[in-house]
Amino acid sequence: MINFYLEMILLALTLHFIGDFLLQTHQMACNKSKSTKWLLYHVSVYSFCFLIMGVRFAIFMFATHYVIDYFTSRITSKLWAKEDYHNFFVVIGMDQLLHMFCIIAAVYRFYVMEAVI
C-alpha cells in the first residue's frame, strides 16, 4: 500500500512540474503578479493537469495554488524589480516548498484518508 501512495505522490509531483513550469506561458509568468485574470489562467491550466487524480483533488490544487501564487508572485515581482535576486529565489523556493506540502496533503486527504474511511 505504501508503494501506491508513493506512486501517487510522484505522479502529483510530475503533474505539478508540467502544470507549473511546462504549461505556464511567458504571459502567465509575467502577468500573474499584476492581473487576477492571468493568475486564474495559470492556476486553471495548472489544475487541469490534476484532473487525472480526481475532480476533488484538482479543486484542492486549484485553491491552494491560487492562494500561494497570489502572494508569492507579488513578492517575487517586487524583489526582481529591486534586483534582490537572492531573496527572489528564496521566495521561489518557499513557493515550491508550499506547493509540495499541498501535494502531499492532497494525496493524504484524497487517497490515504479515503482508504481508511
PDB file of N, CA and C in Angstrom:
ATOM      1  N   MET A   1       0.820  -1.198   0.000  1.00  0.00           N
ATOM      2  CA  MET A   1       0.000   0.000   0.000  1.00  0.00           C
ATOM      3  C   MET A   1       0.864   1.262   0.000  1.00  0.00           C
ATOM      4  N   ILE A   2       1.984   1.218   0.707  1.00  0.00           N
ATOM      5  CA  ILE A   2       2.868   2.382   0.751  1.00  0.00           C
ATOM      6  C   ILE A   2       3.371   2.710  -0.654  1.00  0.00           C
ATOM      7  N   ASN A   3       3.670   1.687  -1.438  1.00  0.00           N
ATOM      8  CA  ASN A   3       4.123   1.930  -2.814  1.00  0.00           C
ATOM      9  C   ASN A   3       3.079   2.703  -3.611  1.00  0.00           C
ATOM     10  N   PHE A   4       1.800   2.392  -3.418  1.00  0.00           N
ATOM     11  CA  PHE A   4       0.738   3.096  -4.117  1.00  0.00           C
ATOM     12  C   PHE A   4       0.756   4.578  -3.765  1.00  0.00           C
ATOM     13  N   TYR A   5       0.892   4.906  -2.485  1.00  0.00           N
ATOM     14  CA  TYR A   5       0.900   6.313  -2.059  1.00  0.00           C
ATOM     15  C   TYR A   5       2.134   7.039  -2.583  1.00  0.00           C
ATOM     16  N   LEU A   6       3.260   6.364  -2.582  1.00  0.00           N
ATOM     17  CA  LEU A   6       4.470   6.964  -3.165  1.00  0.00           C
ATOM     18  C   LEU A   6       4.293   7.203  -4.658  1.00  0.00           C
ATOM     19  N   GLU A   7       3.668   6.264  -5.334  1.00  0.00           N
ATOM     20  CA  GLU A   7       3.390   6.457  -6.762  1.00  0.00           C
ATOM     21  C   GLU A   7       2.460   7.645  -6.982  1.00  0.00           C
ATOM     22  N   MET A   8       1.479   7.827  -6.120  1.00  0.00           N
ATOM     23  CA  MET A   8       0.553   8.956  -6.245  1.00  0.00           C
ATOM     24  C   MET A   8       1.287  10.284  -5.999  1.00  0.00           C
ATOM     25  N   ILE A   9       2.194  10.293  -5.021  1.00  0.00           N
ATOM     26  CA  ILE A   9       2.983  11.499  -4.758  1.00  0.00           C
ATOM     27  C   ILE A   9       3.880  11.808  -5.957  1.00  0.00           C
ATOM     28  N   LEU A  10       4.535  10.793  -6.500  1.00  0.00           N
ATOM     29  CA  LEU A  10       5.407  11.009  -7.663  1.00  0.00           C
ATOM     30  C   LEU A  10       4.609  11.461  -8.879  1.00  0.00           C
ATOM     31  N   LEU A  11       3.427  10.897  -9.078  1.00  0.00           N
ATOM     32  CA  LEU A  11       2.560  11.342 -10.171  1.00  0.00           C
ATOM     33  C   LEU A  11       2.171  12.801  -9.969  1.00  0.00           C
ATOM     34  N   ALA A  12       1.761  13.148  -8.750  1.00  0.00           N
ATOM     35  CA  ALA A  12       1.346  14.522  -8.463  1.00  0.00           C
ATOM     36  C   ALA A  12       2.513  15.498  -8.623  1.00  0.00           C
ATOM     37  N   LEU A  13       3.706  15.117  -8.205  1.00  0.00           N
ATOM     38  CA  LEU A  13       4.875  15.982  -8.377  1.00  0.00           C
ATOM     39  C   LEU A  13       5.191  16.184  -9.862  1.00  0.00           C
ATOM     40  N   THR A  14       5.044  15.137 -10.647  1.00  0.00           N
ATOM     41  CA  THR A  14       5.259  15.251 -12.088  1.00  0.00           C
ATOM     42  C   THR A  14       4.221  16.172 -12.713  1.00  0.00           C
ATOM     43  N   LEU A  15       2.956  16.014 -12.325  1.00  0.00           N
ATOM     44  CA  LEU A  15       1.895  16.882 -12.829  1.00  0.00           C
ATOM     45  C   LEU A  15       2.132  18.329 -12.405  1.00  0.00           C
ATOM     46  N   HIS A  16       2.648  18.512 -11.189  1.00  0.00           N
ATOM     47  CA  HIS A  16       2.983  19.850 -10.709  1.00  0.00           C
ATOM     48  C   HIS A  16       4.028  20.490 -11.626  1.00  0.00           C
ATOM     49  N   PHE A  17       5.068  19.746 -11.937  1.00  0.00           N
ATOM     50  CA  PHE A  17       6.112  20.276 -12.822  1.00  0.00           C
ATOM     51  C   PHE A  17       5.536  20.646 -14.192  1.00  0.00           C
ATOM     52  N   ILE A  18       4.707  19.771 -14.732  1.00  0.00           N
ATOM     53  CA  ILE A  18       4.104  20.034 -16.044  1.00  0.00           C
ATOM     54  C   ILE A  18       3.248  21.293 -15.988  1.00  0.00           C
ATOM     55  N   GLY A  19       2.363  21.373 -14.979  1.00  0.00           N
ATOM     56  CA  GLY A  19       1.440  22.497 -14.892  1.00  0.00           C
ATOM     57  C   GLY A  19       2.084  23.806 -14.489  1.00  0.00           C
ATOM     58  N   ASP A  20       3.042  23.741 -13.582  1.00  0.00           N
ATOM     59  CA  ASP A  20       3.621  24.969 -13.042  1.00  0.00           C
ATOM     60  C   ASP A  20       4.764  25.512 -13.890  1.00  0.00           C
ATOM     61  N   PHE A  21       5.388  24.668 -14.692  1.00  0.00           N
ATOM     62  CA  PHE A  21       6.527  25.116 -15.485  1.00  0.00           C
ATOM     63  C   PHE A  21       6.328  24.921 -16.985  1.00  0.00           C
ATOM     64  N   LEU A  22       6.073  23.697 -17.421  1.00  0.00           N
ATOM     65  CA  LEU A  22       5.992  23.443 -18.863  1.00  0.00           C
ATOM     66  C   LEU A  22       4.810  24.137 -19.518  1.00  0.00           C
ATOM     67  N   LEU A  23       3.661  24.158 -18.867  1.00  0.00           N
ATOM     68  CA  LEU A  23       2.460  24.734 -19.474  1.00  0.00           C
ATOM     69  C   LEU A  23       2.229  26.203 -19.110  1.00  0.00           C
ATOM     70  N   GLN A  24       3.054  26.744 -18.243  1.00  0.00           N
ATOM     71  CA  GLN A  24       2.921  28.163 -17.909  1.00  0.00           C
ATOM     72  C   GLN A  24       3.562  28.985 -19.022  1.00  0.00           C
ATOM     73  N   THR A  25       2.765  29.814 -19.662  1.00  0.00           N
ATOM     74  CA  THR A  25       3.278  30.628 -20.764  1.00  0.00           C
ATOM     75  C   THR A  25       4.064  31.824 -20.221  1.00  0.00           C
ATOM     76  N   HIS A  26       4.776  32.458 -21.111  1.00  0.00           N
ATOM     77  CA  HIS A  26       5.515  33.664 -20.745  1.00  0.00           C
ATOM     78  C   HIS A  26       4.550  34.739 -20.229  1.00  0.00           C
ATOM     79  N   GLN A  27       3.410  34.885 -20.903  1.00  0.00           N
ATOM     80  CA  GLN A  27       2.420  35.885 -20.467  1.00  0.00           C
ATOM     81  C   GLN A  27       1.895  35.582 -19.066  1.00  0.00           C
ATOM     82  N   MET A  28       1.623  34.315 -18.783  1.00  0.00           N
ATOM     83  CA  MET A  28       1.159  33.937 -17.443  1.00  0.00           C
ATOM     84  C   MET A  28       2.215  34.292 -16.408  1.00  0.00           C
ATOM     85  N   ALA A  29       3.442  33.895 -16.685  1.00  0.00           N
ATOM     86  CA  ALA A  29       4.527  34.113 -15.727  1.00  0.00           C
ATOM     87  C   ALA A  29       4.757  35.600 -15.469  1.00  0.00           C
ATOM     88  N   CYS A  30       4.693  36.411 -16.500  1.00  0.00           N
ATOM     89  CA  CYS A  30       4.972  37.842 -16.348  1.00  0.00           C
ATOM     90  C   CYS A  30       3.796  38.636 -15.787  1.00  0.00           C
ATOM     91  N   ASN A  31       2.582  38.153 -15.978  1.00  0.00           N
ATOM     92  CA  ASN A  31       1.414  38.956 -15.617  1.00  0.00           C
ATOM     93  C   ASN A  31       0.624  38.461 -14.420  1.00  0.00           C
ATOM     94  N   LYS A  32       0.901  37.254 -13.935  1.00  0.00           N
ATOM     95  CA  LYS A  32       0.100  36.725 -12.823  1.00  0.00           C
ATOM     96  C   LYS A  32       0.281  37.518 -11.532  1.00  0.00           C
ATOM     97  N   SER A  33       1.357  38.251 -11.409  1.00  0.00           N
ATOM     98  CA  SER A  33       1.570  39.060 -10.205  1.00  0.00           C
ATOM     99  C   SER A  33       0.792  40.374 -10.253  1.00  0.00           C
ATOM    100  N   LYS A  34       0.328  40.768 -11.450  1.00  0.00           N
ATOM    101  CA  LYS A  34      -0.359  42.046 -11.621  1.00  0.00           C
ATOM    102  C   LYS A  34      -1.832  41.897 -11.974  1.00  0.00           C
ATOM    103  N   SER A  35      -2.201  40.717 -12.463  1.00  0.00           N
ATOM    104  CA  SER A  35      -3.531  40.544 -13.020  1.00  0.00           C
ATOM    105  C   SER A  35      -4.180  39.263 -12.506  1.00  0.00           C
ATOM    106  N   THR A  36      -5.328  39.402 -11.895  1.00  0.00           N
ATOM    107  CA  THR A  36      -6.076  38.227 -11.436  1.00  0.00           C
ATOM    108  C   THR A  36      -6.440  37.344 -12.612  1.00  0.00           C
ATOM    109  N   LYS A  37      -6.733  37.953 -13.770  1.00  0.00           N
ATOM    110  CA  LYS A  37      -7.074  37.189 -14.974  1.00  0.00           C
ATOM    111  C   LYS A  37      -5.938  36.227 -15.342  1.00  0.00           C
ATOM    112  N   TRP A  38      -4.716  36.739 -15.385  1.00  0.00           N
ATOM    113  CA  TRP A  38      -3.583  35.889 -15.759  1.00  0.00           C
ATOM    114  C   TRP A  38      -3.262  34.859 -14.680  1.00  0.00           C
ATOM    115  N   LEU A  39      -3.450  35.241 -13.430  1.00  0.00           N
ATOM    116  CA  LEU A  39      -3.260  34.272 -12.347  1.00  0.00           C
ATOM    117  C   LEU A  39      -4.288  33.153 -12.474  1.00  0.00           C
ATOM    118  N   LEU A  40      -5.531  33.499 -12.761  1.00  0.00           N
ATOM    119  CA  LEU A  40      -6.570  32.479 -12.935  1.00  0.00           C
ATOM    120  C   LEU A  40      -6.287  31.592 -14.154  1.00  0.00           C
ATOM    121  N   TYR A  41      -5.771  32.165 -15.240  1.00  0.00           N
ATOM    122  CA  TYR A  41      -5.379  31.351 -16.395  1.00  0.00           C
ATOM    123  C   TYR A  41      -4.328  30.326 -15.972  1.00  0.00           C
ATOM    124  N   HIS A  42      -3.299  30.820 -15.306  1.00  0.00           N
ATOM    125  CA  HIS A  42      -2.213  29.923 -14.874  1.00  0.00           C
ATOM    126  C   HIS A  42      -2.739  28.829 -13.959  1.00  0.00           C
ATOM    127  N   VAL A  43      -3.492  29.196 -12.944  1.00  0.00           N
ATOM    128  CA  VAL A  43      -3.974  28.224 -11.959  1.00  0.00           C
ATOM    129  C   VAL A  43      -4.962  27.245 -12.604  1.00  0.00           C
ATOM    130  N   SER A  44      -5.737  27.709 -13.555  1.00  0.00           N
ATOM    131  CA  SER A  44      -6.684  26.814 -14.250  1.00  0.00           C
ATOM    132  C   SER A  44      -5.943  25.765 -15.080  1.00  0.00           C
ATOM    133  N   VAL A  45      -4.948  26.208 -15.837  1.00  0.00           N
ATOM    134  CA  VAL A  45      -4.149  25.263 -16.633  1.00  0.00           C
ATOM    135  C   VAL A  45      -3.428  24.298 -15.709  1.00  0.00           C
ATOM    136  N   TYR A  46      -2.850  24.835 -14.650  1.00  0.00           N
ATOM    137  CA  TYR A  46      -2.149  24.013 -13.664  1.00  0.00           C
ATOM    138  C   TYR A  46      -3.078  22.946 -13.095  1.00  0.00           C
ATOM    139  N   SER A  47      -4.242  23.351 -12.659  1.00  0.00           N
ATOM    140  CA  SER A  47      -5.181  22.443 -12.001  1.00  0.00           C
ATOM    141  C   SER A  47      -5.751  21.411 -12.959  1.00  0.00           C
ATOM    142  N   PHE A  48      -5.910  21.791 -14.216  1.00  0.00           N
ATOM    143  CA  PHE A  48      -6.412  20.868 -15.218  1.00  0.00           C
ATOM    144  C   PHE A  48      -5.555  19.606 -15.278  1.00  0.00           C
ATOM    145  N   CYS A  49      -4.260  19.758 -15.082  1.00  0.00           N
ATOM    146  CA  CYS A  49      -3.348  18.609 -15.093  1.00  0.00           C
ATOM    147  C   CYS A  49      -3.723  17.580 -14.030  1.00  0.00           C
ATOM    148  N   PHE A  50      -4.293  18.035 -12.944  1.00  0.00           N
ATOM    149  CA  PHE A  50      -4.585  17.152 -11.812  1.00  0.00           C
ATOM    150  C   PHE A  50      -5.914  16.425 -11.933  1.00  0.00           C
ATOM    151  N   LEU A  51      -6.682  16.702 -12.968  1.00  0.00           N
ATOM    152  CA  LEU A  51      -7.964  16.014 -13.132  1.00  0.00           C
ATOM    153  C   LEU A  51      -7.796  14.498 -13.220  1.00  0.00           C
ATOM    154  N   ILE A  52      -6.649  14.060 -13.703  1.00  0.00           N
ATOM    155  CA  ILE A  52      -6.366  12.629 -13.782  1.00  0.00           C
ATOM    156  C   ILE A  52      -6.396  11.982 -12.385  1.00  0.00           C
ATOM    157  N   MET A  53      -6.177  12.795 -11.356  1.00  0.00           N
ATOM    158  CA  MET A  53      -6.166  12.287  -9.979  1.00  0.00           C
ATOM    159  C   MET A  53      -7.522  12.469  -9.289  1.00  0.00           C
ATOM    160  N   GLY A  54      -8.456  13.054  -9.985  1.00  0.00           N
ATOM    161  CA  GLY A  54      -9.798  13.228  -9.441  1.00  0.00           C
ATOM    162  C   GLY A  54     -10.205  14.693  -9.401  1.00  0.00           C
ATOM    163  N   VAL A  55     -11.503  14.922  -9.514  1.00  0.00           N
ATOM    164  CA  VAL A  55     -12.030  16.289  -9.532  1.00  0.00           C
ATOM    165  C   VAL A  55     -11.762  16.994  -8.207  1.00  0.00           C
ATOM    166  N   ARG A  56     -12.023  16.333  -7.091  1.00  0.00           N
ATOM    167  CA  ARG A  56     -11.788  16.982  -5.793  1.00  0.00           C
ATOM    168  C   ARG A  56     -10.311  17.289  -5.584  1.00  0.00           C
ATOM    169  N   PHE A  57      -9.454  16.404  -6.048  1.00  0.00           N
ATOM    170  CA  PHE A  57      -8.009  16.633  -5.972  1.00  0.00           C
ATOM    171  C   PHE A  57      -7.652  17.893  -6.761  1.00  0.00           C
ATOM    172  N   ALA A  58      -8.170  17.994  -7.986  1.00  0.00           N
ATOM    173  CA  ALA A  58      -7.877  19.145  -8.842  1.00  0.00           C
ATOM    174  C   ALA A  58      -8.418  20.437  -8.232  1.00  0.00           C
ATOM    175  N   ILE A  59      -9.594  20.394  -7.629  1.00  0.00           N
ATOM    176  CA  ILE A  59     -10.163  21.586  -6.988  1.00  0.00           C
ATOM    177  C   ILE A  59      -9.302  22.017  -5.805  1.00  0.00           C
ATOM    178  N   PHE A  60      -8.850  21.049  -5.019  1.00  0.00           N
ATOM    179  CA  PHE A  60      -7.959  21.354  -3.888  1.00  0.00           C
ATOM    180  C   PHE A  60      -6.680  22.007  -4.391  1.00  0.00           C
ATOM    181  N   MET A  61      -6.109  21.454  -5.473  1.00  0.00           N
ATOM    182  CA  MET A  61      -4.880  22.017  -6.022  1.00  0.00           C
ATOM    183  C   MET A  61      -5.125  23.412  -6.591  1.00  0.00           C
ATOM    184  N   PHE A  62      -6.286  23.640  -7.201  1.00  0.00           N
ATOM    185  CA  PHE A  62      -6.629  24.966  -7.702  1.00  0.00           C
ATOM    186  C   PHE A  62      -6.625  25.979  -6.560  1.00  0.00           C
ATOM    187  N   ALA A  63      -7.343  25.654  -5.496  1.00  0.00           N
ATOM    188  CA  ALA A  63      -7.494  26.593  -4.372  1.00  0.00           C
ATOM    189  C   ALA A  63      -6.161  26.893  -3.704  1.00  0.00           C
ATOM    190  N   THR A  64      -5.390  25.866  -3.420  1.00  0.00           N
ATOM    191  CA  THR A  64      -4.122  26.095  -2.720  1.00  0.00           C
ATOM    192  C   THR A  64      -3.106  26.787  -3.624  1.00  0.00           C
ATOM    193  N   HIS A  65      -3.085  26.407  -4.898  1.00  0.00           N
ATOM    194  CA  HIS A  65      -2.127  27.023  -5.814  1.00  0.00           C
ATOM    195  C   HIS A  65      -2.446  28.506  -6.014  1.00  0.00           C
ATOM    196  N   TYR A  66      -3.732  28.820  -6.104  1.00  0.00           N
ATOM    197  CA  TYR A  66      -4.136  30.217  -6.274  1.00  0.00           C
ATOM    198  C   TYR A  66      -3.654  31.064  -5.092  1.00  0.00           C
ATOM    199  N   VAL A  67      -3.920  30.598  -3.885  1.00  0.00           N
ATOM    200  CA  VAL A  67      -3.544  31.367  -2.688  1.00  0.00           C
ATOM    201  C   VAL A  67      -2.028  31.537  -2.614  1.00  0.00           C
ATOM    202  N   ILE A  68      -1.303  30.457  -2.809  1.00  0.00           N
ATOM    203  CA  ILE A  68       0.162  30.530  -2.730  1.00  0.00           C
ATOM    204  C   ILE A  68       0.711  31.478  -3.788  1.00  0.00           C
ATOM    205  N   ASP A  69       0.295  31.288  -5.044  1.00  0.00           N
ATOM    206  CA  ASP A  69       0.833  32.123  -6.124  1.00  0.00           C
ATOM    207  C   ASP A  69       0.367  33.570  -6.033  1.00  0.00           C
ATOM    208  N   TYR A  70      -0.814  33.799  -5.482  1.00  0.00           N
ATOM    209  CA  TYR A  70      -1.285  35.175  -5.318  1.00  0.00           C
ATOM    210  C   TYR A  70      -0.260  35.982  -4.525  1.00  0.00           C
ATOM    211  N   PHE A  71       0.216  35.403  -3.430  1.00  0.00           N
ATOM    212  CA  PHE A  71       1.161  36.125  -2.570  1.00  0.00           C
ATOM    213  C   PHE A  71       2.593  36.046  -3.089  1.00  0.00           C
ATOM    214  N   THR A  72       3.042  34.849  -3.445  1.00  0.00           N
ATOM    215  CA  THR A  72       4.454  34.720  -3.824  1.00  0.00           C
ATOM    216  C   THR A  72       4.769  35.435  -5.130  1.00  0.00           C
ATOM    217  N   SER A  73       3.839  35.460  -6.080  1.00  0.00           N
ATOM    218  CA  SER A  73       4.127  36.151  -7.344  1.00  0.00           C
ATOM    219  C   SER A  73       4.249  37.655  -7.132  1.00  0.00           C
ATOM    220  N   ARG A  74       3.476  38.190  -6.216  1.00  0.00           N
ATOM    221  CA  ARG A  74       3.568  39.621  -5.926  1.00  0.00           C
ATOM    222  C   ARG A  74       4.873  39.961  -5.193  1.00  0.00           C
ATOM    223  N   ILE A  75       5.251  39.089  -4.277  1.00  0.00           N
ATOM    224  CA  ILE A  75       6.510  39.302  -3.552  1.00  0.00           C
ATOM    225  C   ILE A  75       7.696  39.196  -4.505  1.00  0.00           C
ATOM    226  N   THR A  76       7.706  38.147  -5.334  1.00  0.00           N
ATOM    227  CA  THR A  76       8.854  37.960  -6.234  1.00  0.00           C
ATOM    228  C   THR A  76       8.952  39.070  -7.277  1.00  0.00           C
ATOM    229  N   SER A  77       7.824  39.583  -7.749  1.00  0.00           N
ATOM    230  CA  SER A  77       7.917  40.659  -8.750  1.00  0.00           C
ATOM    231  C   SER A  77       8.537  41.915  -8.142  1.00  0.00           C
ATOM    232  N   LYS A  78       8.255  42.192  -6.879  1.00  0.00           N
ATOM    233  CA  LYS A  78       8.874  43.349  -6.208  1.00  0.00           C
ATOM    234  C   LYS A  78      10.358  43.112  -5.973  1.00  0.00           C
ATOM    235  N   LEU A  79      10.712  41.900  -5.574  1.00  0.00           N
ATOM    236  CA  LEU A  79      12.129  41.587  -5.350  1.00  0.00           C
ATOM    237  C   LEU A  79      12.921  41.651  -6.645  1.00  0.00           C
ATOM    238  N   TRP A  80      12.340  41.153  -7.739  1.00  0.00           N
ATOM    239  CA  TRP A  80      13.020  41.192  -9.037  1.00  0.00           C
ATOM    240  C   TRP A  80      13.244  42.639  -9.478  1.00  0.00           C
ATOM    241  N   ALA A  81      12.219  43.471  -9.296  1.00  0.00           N
ATOM    242  CA  ALA A  81      12.326  44.883  -9.686  1.00  0.00           C
ATOM    243  C   ALA A  81      13.425  45.588  -8.882  1.00  0.00           C
ATOM    244  N   LYS A  82      13.621  45.192  -7.632  1.00  0.00           N
ATOM    245  CA  LYS A  82      14.669  45.773  -6.791  1.00  0.00           C
ATOM    246  C   LYS A  82      16.027  45.117  -7.036  1.00  0.00           C
ATOM    247  N   GLU A  83      16.063  44.142  -7.938  1.00  0.00           N
ATOM    248  CA  GLU A  83      17.274  43.373  -8.225  1.00  0.00           C
ATOM    249  C   GLU A  83      17.799  42.648  -6.989  1.00  0.00           C
ATOM    250  N   ASP A  84      16.884  42.268  -6.121  1.00  0.00           N
ATOM    251  CA  ASP A  84      17.215  41.483  -4.929  1.00  0.00           C
ATOM    252  C   ASP A  84      17.066  40.005  -5.291  1.00  0.00           C
ATOM    253  N   TYR A  85      18.011  39.514  -6.096  1.00  0.00           N
ATOM    254  CA  TYR A  85      17.884  38.190  -6.687  1.00  0.00           C
ATOM    255  C   TYR A  85      17.981  37.063  -5.662  1.00  0.00           C
ATOM    256  N   HIS A  86      18.785  37.261  -4.638  1.00  0.00           N
ATOM    257  CA  HIS A  86      18.885  36.206  -3.625  1.00  0.00           C
ATOM    258  C   HIS A  86      17.519  35.965  -2.982  1.00  0.00           C
ATOM    259  N   ASN A  87      16.895  37.014  -2.494  1.00  0.00           N
ATOM    260  CA  ASN A  87      15.596  36.848  -1.846  1.00  0.00           C
ATOM    261  C   ASN A  87      14.498  36.466  -2.834  1.00  0.00           C
ATOM    262  N   PHE A  88      14.639  36.888  -4.084  1.00  0.00           N
ATOM    263  CA  PHE A  88      13.729  36.441  -5.136  1.00  0.00           C
ATOM    264  C   PHE A  88      13.722  34.915  -5.195  1.00  0.00           C
ATOM    265  N   PHE A  89      14.914  34.317  -5.238  1.00  0.00           N
ATOM    266  CA  PHE A  89      14.996  32.860  -5.332  1.00  0.00           C
ATOM    267  C   PHE A  89      14.637  32.170  -4.022  1.00  0.00           C
ATOM    268  N   VAL A  90      14.857  32.831  -2.897  1.00  0.00           N
ATOM    269  CA  VAL A  90      14.391  32.285  -1.619  1.00  0.00           C
ATOM    270  C   VAL A  90      12.866  32.159  -1.641  1.00  0.00           C
ATOM    271  N   VAL A  91      12.188  33.186  -2.129  1.00  0.00           N
ATOM    272  CA  VAL A  91      10.724  33.144  -2.191  1.00  0.00           C
ATOM    273  C   VAL A  91      10.261  32.112  -3.219  1.00  0.00           C
ATOM    274  N   ILE A  92      10.951  31.990  -4.347  1.00  0.00           N
ATOM    275  CA  ILE A  92      10.621  30.945  -5.329  1.00  0.00           C
ATOM    276  C   ILE A  92      10.743  29.570  -4.667  1.00  0.00           C
ATOM    277  N   GLY A  93      11.794  29.375  -3.907  1.00  0.00           N
ATOM    278  CA  GLY A  93      11.982  28.106  -3.198  1.00  0.00           C
ATOM    279  C   GLY A  93      10.879  27.863  -2.187  1.00  0.00           C
ATOM    280  N   MET A  94      10.500  28.908  -1.443  1.00  0.00           N
ATOM    281  CA  MET A  94       9.411  28.781  -0.477  1.00  0.00           C
ATOM    282  C   MET A  94       8.105  28.449  -1.195  1.00  0.00           C
ATOM    283  N   ASP A  95       7.859  29.103  -2.328  1.00  0.00           N
ATOM    284  CA  ASP A  95       6.677  28.843  -3.148  1.00  0.00           C
ATOM    285  C   ASP A  95       6.610  27.357  -3.520  1.00  0.00           C
ATOM    286  N   GLN A  96       7.714  26.824  -3.991  1.00  0.00           N
ATOM    287  CA  GLN A  96       7.733  25.420  -4.385  1.00  0.00           C
ATOM    288  C   GLN A  96       7.576  24.487  -3.183  1.00  0.00           C
ATOM    289  N   LEU A  97       8.183  24.829  -2.063  1.00  0.00           N
ATOM    290  CA  LEU A  97       8.033  24.022  -0.858  1.00  0.00           C
ATOM    291  C   LEU A  97       6.571  23.981  -0.408  1.00  0.00           C
ATOM    292  N   LEU A  98       5.902  25.130  -0.433  1.00  0.00           N
ATOM    293  CA  LEU A  98       4.480  25.167  -0.072  1.00  0.00           C
ATOM    294  C   LEU A  98       3.641  24.325  -1.028  1.00  0.00           C
ATOM    295  N   HIS A  99       3.960  24.373  -2.312  1.00  0.00           N
ATOM    296  CA  HIS A  99       3.247  23.533  -3.279  1.00  0.00           C
ATOM    297  C   HIS A  99       3.474  22.048  -2.991  1.00  0.00           C
ATOM    298  N   MET A 100       4.698  21.692  -2.616  1.00  0.00           N
ATOM    299  CA  MET A 100       4.990  20.290  -2.281  1.00  0.00           C
ATOM    300  C   MET A 100       4.190  19.842  -1.059  1.00  0.00           C
ATOM    301  N   PHE A 101       4.124  20.705  -0.041  1.00  0.00           N
ATOM    302  CA  PHE A 101       3.321  20.382   1.140  1.00  0.00           C
ATOM    303  C   PHE A 101       1.860  20.166   0.758  1.00  0.00           C
ATOM    304  N   CYS A 102       1.344  20.999  -0.127  1.00  0.00           N
ATOM    305  CA  CYS A 102      -0.052  20.870  -0.560  1.00  0.00           C
ATOM    306  C   CYS A 102      -0.271  19.580  -1.338  1.00  0.00           C
ATOM    307  N   ILE A 103       0.681  19.201  -2.157  1.00  0.00           N
ATOM    308  CA  ILE A 103       0.577  17.951  -2.906  1.00  0.00           C
ATOM    309  C   ILE A 103       0.538  16.769  -1.957  1.00  0.00           C
ATOM    310  N   ILE A 104       1.429  16.750  -0.985  1.00  0.00           N
ATOM    311  CA  ILE A 104       1.453  15.651  -0.019  1.00  0.00           C
ATOM    312  C   ILE A 104       0.165  15.640   0.797  1.00  0.00           C
ATOM    313  N   ALA A 105      -0.306  16.812   1.198  1.00  0.00           N
ATOM    314  CA  ALA A 105      -1.568  16.896   1.948  1.00  0.00           C
ATOM    315  C   ALA A 105      -2.737  16.391   1.112  1.00  0.00           C
ATOM    316  N   ALA A 106      -2.755  16.716  -0.173  1.00  0.00           N
ATOM    317  CA  ALA A 106      -3.837  16.273  -1.049  1.00  0.00           C
ATOM    318  C   ALA A 106      -3.805  14.756  -1.240  1.00  0.00           C
ATOM    319  N   VAL A 107      -2.634  14.201  -1.446  1.00  0.00           N
ATOM    320  CA  VAL A 107      -2.534  12.738  -1.570  1.00  0.00           C
ATOM    321  C   VAL A 107      -3.001  12.090  -0.276  1.00  0.00           C
ATOM    322  N   TYR A 108      -2.576  12.624   0.843  1.00  0.00           N
ATOM    323  CA  TYR A 108      -3.010  12.074   2.132  1.00  0.00           C
ATOM    324  C   TYR A 108      -4.528  12.163   2.262  1.00  0.00           C
ATOM    325  N   ARG A 109      -5.087  13.331   1.985  1.00  0.00           N
ATOM    326  CA  ARG A 109      -6.529  13.537   2.167  1.00  0.00           C
ATOM    327  C   ARG A 109      -7.366  12.697   1.207  1.00  0.00           C
ATOM    328  N   PHE A 110      -6.998  12.683  -0.066  1.00  0.00           N
ATOM    329  CA  PHE A 110      -7.857  12.067  -1.068  1.00  0.00           C
ATOM    330  C   PHE A 110      -7.519  10.615  -1.390  1.00  0.00           C
ATOM    331  N   TYR A 111      -6.398  10.125  -0.886  1.00  0.00           N
ATOM    332  CA  TYR A 111      -6.060   8.722  -1.111  1.00  0.00           C
ATOM    333  C   TYR A 111      -5.939   7.966   0.207  1.00  0.00           C
ATOM    334  N   VAL A 112      -5.116   8.454   1.118  1.00  0.00           N
ATOM    335  CA  VAL A 112      -4.918   7.743   2.384  1.00  0.00           C
ATOM    336  C   VAL A 112      -6.191   7.777   3.223  1.00  0.00           C
ATOM    337  N   MET A 113      -6.735   8.972   3.440  1.00  0.00           N
ATOM    338  CA  MET A 113      -7.934   9.100   4.287  1.00  0.00           C
ATOM    339  C   MET A 113      -9.138   8.397   3.674  1.00  0.00           C
ATOM    340  N   GLU A 114      -9.259   8.430   2.360  1.00  0.00           N
ATOM    341  CA  GLU A 114     -10.369   7.746   1.691  1.00  0.00           C
ATOM    342  C   GLU A 114     -10.261   6.248   1.882  1.00  0.00           C
ATOM    343  N   ALA A 115      -9.028   5.716   1.929  1.00  0.00           N
ATOM    344  CA  ALA A 115      -8.833   4.281   2.118  1.00  0.00           C
ATOM    345  C   ALA A 115      -9.177   3.860   3.541  1.00  0.00           C
ATOM    346  N   VAL A 116      -8.991   4.774   4.495  1.00  0.00           N
ATOM    347  CA  VAL A 116      -9.252   4.470   5.907  1.00  0.00           C
ATOM    348  C   VAL A 116     -10.745   4.470   6.200  1.00  0.00           C
ATOM    349  N   ILE A 117     -11.453   5.380   5.553  1.00  0.00           N
ATOM    350  CA  ILE A 117     -12.881   5.553   5.835  1.00  0.00           C
ATOM    351  C   ILE A 117     -13.711   4.404   5.307  1.00  0.00           C
TER     352      ILE A 117
END
